[in-house]
Each structure stands twice: as C-alpha cells, then as structure tokens.
N, C-alpha and C. Protein backbone atom coordinates (compact mmCIF):
# COMPACT_ATOMS: atom_id res chain seq x y z
N UNK A 1 123.32 32.83 176.80
CA UNK A 1 121.97 32.96 177.35
C UNK A 1 122.00 32.93 178.87
N UNK A 2 122.84 32.08 179.42
CA UNK A 2 122.88 31.92 180.87
C UNK A 2 123.32 33.20 181.58
N UNK A 3 124.35 33.85 181.08
CA UNK A 3 124.82 35.09 181.73
C UNK A 3 123.77 36.19 181.65
N UNK A 4 123.12 36.30 180.51
CA UNK A 4 122.05 37.29 180.36
C UNK A 4 120.90 36.98 181.32
N UNK A 5 120.57 35.72 181.45
CA UNK A 5 119.50 35.31 182.36
C UNK A 5 119.86 35.62 183.81
N UNK A 6 121.11 35.38 184.17
CA UNK A 6 121.57 35.69 185.53
C UNK A 6 121.41 37.18 185.81
N UNK A 7 121.82 38.00 184.86
CA UNK A 7 121.70 39.44 185.04
C UNK A 7 120.25 39.87 185.18
N UNK A 8 119.38 39.28 184.40
CA UNK A 8 117.95 39.62 184.48
C UNK A 8 117.37 39.24 185.83
N UNK A 9 117.77 38.09 186.35
CA UNK A 9 117.29 37.67 187.67
C UNK A 9 117.79 38.64 188.74
N UNK A 10 119.07 38.98 188.70
CA UNK A 10 119.62 39.90 189.70
C UNK A 10 118.97 41.27 189.62
N UNK A 11 118.73 41.77 188.42
CA UNK A 11 118.05 43.06 188.27
C UNK A 11 116.63 42.99 188.83
N UNK A 12 115.96 41.89 188.60
CA UNK A 12 114.61 41.71 189.12
C UNK A 12 114.63 41.76 190.65
N UNK A 13 115.54 41.01 191.27
CA UNK A 13 115.62 40.97 192.72
C UNK A 13 115.93 42.36 193.28
N UNK A 14 116.85 43.06 192.65
CA UNK A 14 117.23 44.40 193.11
C UNK A 14 116.11 45.42 192.96
N UNK A 15 115.23 45.20 191.99
CA UNK A 15 114.16 46.17 191.71
C UNK A 15 112.95 45.99 192.62
N UNK A 16 112.89 44.90 193.35
CA UNK A 16 111.73 44.61 194.19
C UNK A 16 111.91 45.22 195.58
N UNK A 17 110.79 45.54 196.22
CA UNK A 17 110.83 46.10 197.57
C UNK A 17 111.10 45.04 198.63
N UNK A 18 110.63 43.82 198.39
CA UNK A 18 110.84 42.77 199.38
C UNK A 18 112.26 42.22 199.27
N UNK A 19 112.73 41.64 200.36
CA UNK A 19 114.10 41.13 200.38
C UNK A 19 114.20 39.65 200.05
N UNK A 20 113.15 38.88 200.33
CA UNK A 20 113.17 37.44 200.09
C UNK A 20 112.21 37.10 198.95
N UNK A 21 112.64 36.17 198.10
CA UNK A 21 111.88 35.85 196.90
C UNK A 21 111.72 34.35 196.74
N UNK A 22 110.53 33.93 196.39
CA UNK A 22 110.29 32.54 196.04
C UNK A 22 110.92 32.25 194.68
N UNK A 23 111.20 30.98 194.43
CA UNK A 23 111.75 30.57 193.14
C UNK A 23 110.83 31.02 192.00
N UNK A 24 109.53 30.86 192.18
CA UNK A 24 108.58 31.26 191.13
C UNK A 24 108.65 32.76 190.85
N UNK A 25 108.97 33.56 191.86
CA UNK A 25 109.15 35.00 191.64
C UNK A 25 110.35 35.24 190.71
N UNK A 26 111.42 34.51 190.96
CA UNK A 26 112.63 34.68 190.13
C UNK A 26 112.37 34.27 188.69
N UNK A 27 111.52 33.29 188.50
CA UNK A 27 111.19 32.82 187.14
C UNK A 27 110.48 33.91 186.33
N UNK A 28 109.83 34.85 186.99
CA UNK A 28 109.17 35.94 186.28
C UNK A 28 110.16 36.80 185.50
N UNK A 29 111.40 36.80 185.93
CA UNK A 29 112.43 37.59 185.23
C UNK A 29 112.85 36.93 183.93
N UNK A 30 112.65 35.63 183.83
CA UNK A 30 113.06 34.88 182.63
C UNK A 30 111.94 33.93 182.20
N UNK A 31 110.78 34.47 181.82
CA UNK A 31 109.61 33.62 181.53
C UNK A 31 109.78 32.68 180.34
N UNK A 32 110.70 32.98 179.46
CA UNK A 32 110.87 32.14 178.26
C UNK A 32 111.71 30.89 178.53
N UNK A 33 112.25 30.78 179.74
CA UNK A 33 113.11 29.66 180.08
C UNK A 33 112.33 28.63 180.89
N UNK A 34 112.54 27.35 180.59
CA UNK A 34 111.86 26.27 181.31
C UNK A 34 112.34 26.21 182.75
N UNK A 35 111.47 25.67 183.63
CA UNK A 35 111.73 25.64 185.07
C UNK A 35 113.06 24.95 185.42
N UNK A 36 113.35 23.83 184.82
CA UNK A 36 114.59 23.10 185.15
C UNK A 36 115.82 23.93 184.81
N UNK A 37 115.80 24.61 183.68
CA UNK A 37 116.93 25.45 183.29
C UNK A 37 117.01 26.65 184.24
N UNK A 38 115.86 27.21 184.60
CA UNK A 38 115.84 28.35 185.52
C UNK A 38 116.43 27.94 186.86
N UNK A 39 116.11 26.74 187.33
CA UNK A 39 116.63 26.23 188.60
C UNK A 39 118.16 26.14 188.55
N UNK A 40 118.69 25.67 187.43
CA UNK A 40 120.15 25.59 187.27
C UNK A 40 120.78 26.98 187.33
N UNK A 41 120.13 27.95 186.68
CA UNK A 41 120.66 29.31 186.66
C UNK A 41 120.65 29.91 188.06
N UNK A 42 119.55 29.73 188.79
CA UNK A 42 119.45 30.26 190.15
C UNK A 42 120.49 29.58 191.05
N UNK A 43 120.67 28.27 190.91
CA UNK A 43 121.69 27.57 191.70
C UNK A 43 123.09 28.08 191.38
N UNK A 44 123.36 28.40 190.13
CA UNK A 44 124.66 28.98 189.76
C UNK A 44 124.85 30.31 190.47
N UNK A 45 123.80 31.13 190.52
CA UNK A 45 123.90 32.42 191.21
C UNK A 45 124.20 32.22 192.70
N UNK A 46 123.61 31.21 193.30
CA UNK A 46 123.89 30.91 194.72
C UNK A 46 125.33 30.45 194.86
N UNK A 47 125.78 29.56 193.99
CA UNK A 47 127.16 29.05 194.06
C UNK A 47 128.18 30.16 193.85
N UNK A 48 127.83 31.16 193.05
CA UNK A 48 128.72 32.29 192.79
C UNK A 48 128.66 33.33 193.90
N UNK A 49 127.74 33.16 194.84
CA UNK A 49 127.62 34.11 195.94
C UNK A 49 126.82 35.36 195.60
N UNK A 50 126.12 35.35 194.49
CA UNK A 50 125.33 36.52 194.08
C UNK A 50 123.92 36.48 194.67
N UNK A 51 123.45 35.30 195.04
CA UNK A 51 122.21 35.11 195.78
C UNK A 51 122.51 34.17 196.92
N UNK A 52 121.65 34.17 197.94
CA UNK A 52 121.80 33.19 199.00
C UNK A 52 120.43 32.64 199.37
N UNK A 53 120.47 31.46 199.97
CA UNK A 53 119.24 30.82 200.42
C UNK A 53 118.79 31.41 201.75
N UNK A 54 117.49 31.41 201.94
CA UNK A 54 116.89 31.69 203.24
C UNK A 54 115.80 30.65 203.41
N UNK A 55 115.75 30.02 204.57
CA UNK A 55 114.76 28.98 204.79
C UNK A 55 113.99 29.23 206.06
N UNK A 56 112.68 29.03 206.00
CA UNK A 56 111.83 29.14 207.18
C UNK A 56 111.68 27.77 207.84
N UNK A 57 112.28 26.77 207.26
CA UNK A 57 112.12 25.40 207.72
C UNK A 57 111.24 24.61 206.78
N UNK A 58 110.24 25.27 206.23
CA UNK A 58 109.35 24.59 205.29
C UNK A 58 109.43 25.19 203.89
N UNK A 59 109.95 26.39 203.80
CA UNK A 59 110.01 27.09 202.52
C UNK A 59 111.42 27.63 202.30
N UNK A 60 111.94 27.45 201.10
CA UNK A 60 113.23 28.02 200.74
C UNK A 60 112.98 29.23 199.85
N UNK A 61 113.65 30.32 200.22
CA UNK A 61 113.54 31.54 199.43
C UNK A 61 114.96 31.99 199.09
N UNK A 62 115.04 33.01 198.26
CA UNK A 62 116.33 33.51 197.80
C UNK A 62 116.42 35.00 198.09
N UNK A 63 117.64 35.46 198.37
CA UNK A 63 117.83 36.88 198.63
C UNK A 63 119.26 37.27 198.25
N UNK A 64 119.49 38.57 198.18
CA UNK A 64 120.83 39.08 197.91
C UNK A 64 121.67 38.92 199.17
N UNK A 65 122.95 38.59 199.04
CA UNK A 65 123.79 38.45 200.22
C UNK A 65 123.93 39.75 201.00
N UNK A 66 123.74 40.87 200.34
CA UNK A 66 123.91 42.18 200.98
C UNK A 66 122.68 42.64 201.75
N UNK A 67 121.66 41.82 201.83
CA UNK A 67 120.41 42.23 202.48
C UNK A 67 120.48 42.28 203.99
N UNK A 68 121.63 42.02 204.56
CA UNK A 68 121.77 42.18 206.00
C UNK A 68 121.51 40.91 206.77
N UNK A 69 121.36 41.08 208.06
CA UNK A 69 121.19 39.97 208.98
C UNK A 69 119.72 39.59 209.07
N UNK A 70 119.35 38.51 208.44
CA UNK A 70 117.96 38.08 208.40
C UNK A 70 117.49 37.65 209.79
N UNK A 71 118.38 37.08 210.60
CA UNK A 71 117.99 36.67 211.94
C UNK A 71 117.46 37.86 212.74
N UNK A 72 118.13 38.99 212.65
CA UNK A 72 117.67 40.19 213.36
C UNK A 72 116.32 40.64 212.81
N UNK A 73 116.18 40.59 211.50
CA UNK A 73 114.93 40.98 210.85
C UNK A 73 113.78 40.10 211.34
N UNK A 74 114.03 38.80 211.40
CA UNK A 74 113.00 37.87 211.82
C UNK A 74 112.63 38.06 213.29
N UNK A 75 113.61 38.30 214.16
CA UNK A 75 113.33 38.53 215.57
C UNK A 75 112.47 39.78 215.76
N UNK A 76 112.69 40.78 214.93
CA UNK A 76 111.92 42.01 215.00
C UNK A 76 110.48 41.81 214.62
N UNK A 77 110.18 40.73 213.90
CA UNK A 77 108.82 40.47 213.46
C UNK A 77 108.01 39.77 214.54
N UNK A 78 108.66 39.19 215.52
CA UNK A 78 107.95 38.45 216.58
C UNK A 78 107.51 39.36 217.70
C-alpha cells in the first residue's frame, strides 16, 4: 500500500500547475488513508529525495526536487 500511495502522491504533484504543495493538498491524492499514515508516507518521500521541503518560515510546503531554484523564484516575486 505504501509504494502505491507514494506513486499516487508523486503523480498528483507532477500533474499540478503549482510547484509548492501544502500537506493537505498531498492528502487529496490518497483520501482513504488517515492523516498520520499519510504524514509517514510523505516523510518517506522526502527521505528518499523524491520530494523536498520548502518553508516560508511559518508554513512548510512540499515540492519536487527538480523544480529548480526556489530562492530565485521567490526573489522574482518581490
């Protein structure tokens, strides 16, 4: 179940137009799984290098490691 769930989360992230995703967004890919189990699955994806954290200081989001340099993206928004 865990590997299938990981694949569903990754497919969800890849199919979206935005690059950064809240944890609750990732849960939409696996609605039948409880939040605690979903958190473990997302953390496994981060540990495996398939997702990475992005933090604004107050909010933690998730993104694909291949999404480029977020610092440059953020500077462009200011």
